[in-house]
């Protein structure tokens, strides 16, 4: 026999009664766990651990599943920090209509009998972010899902082909090699300038860099964790010095510059490109500097 606490912990901290019973818990163990305060009742037929994810508990409290960008964050995918609203998915035939001032409702989920999880499937999440979020945000989330192997390219194609034709261009904008949302944001935004951009380029003697524009303009996107890590700071400056020695032009961008000061970044890159500083010159080639990446 499995206790209700053991069962709900294995199920991710939030579950409905029927799911707990199928997992081996008994009605008696559920009642006992509720009396002891170790199990909390969210609404009729739904329970959670005391330390369960607040967003999931909130979605279930509204009568649905955690969805869209909220689910992407819960699943460990990259998401921006500017969307505090909880996104909730309900079946179209759901009898309960939540107060949408408490969250964003997506009327496109499967019925509970088809899926027990209080979080939408990754397939549903990607479909929702494409329909709901700004294009660049959706692409960064999809990049993250591809890079972490939460979704395959073939599955992504099926999702996109099931949407209106205007979403077809997404398939040409994604890049599963991208290792961070900031890197994806830079790539998507700079692509609007019509530039040739490569992701995760390996350069001899340096290793991989986030982005290379043209031949030699390197963009490195630093997350916030770099601010508090002296070791990372030293490693990055050593890499920058090595890249410069090899003839590359390096722009290292902070989280704030990418998120809050993008216009300045774009103007800087556009100026370098206008002066053709993103290309190897004949002098560079004579010096043998053009054969370092591949």
Foldseek 3Di string as FASTA:
>chain_A
DDALLRQCVVLQFKFFPVSSVVSPHDPVSVVVCVVVVQWDDLDPRMIGGPPGDPLLSVQVNQPFAFAAQRLLVVVPFDADPPDPFTEGEDALPDPHDGDCVRHHYHHHADDCVVPGRSHGQPLRRLLRNCVPPDLLRSQSRVLRCLLVVSDDLVSVVVSQVVDPPVSVCSNVLHDVLQDHSLLSLVSNVLVVVVWDKDAQWQFPPQGTAGIATEQAEGEHEDEPVCVVDPVSVVSVVVSVVVSVVLPHHYDYHYPCCSPPVVVVVNVVVVVCVVVVSSYQDPVSVVVVSRPGID
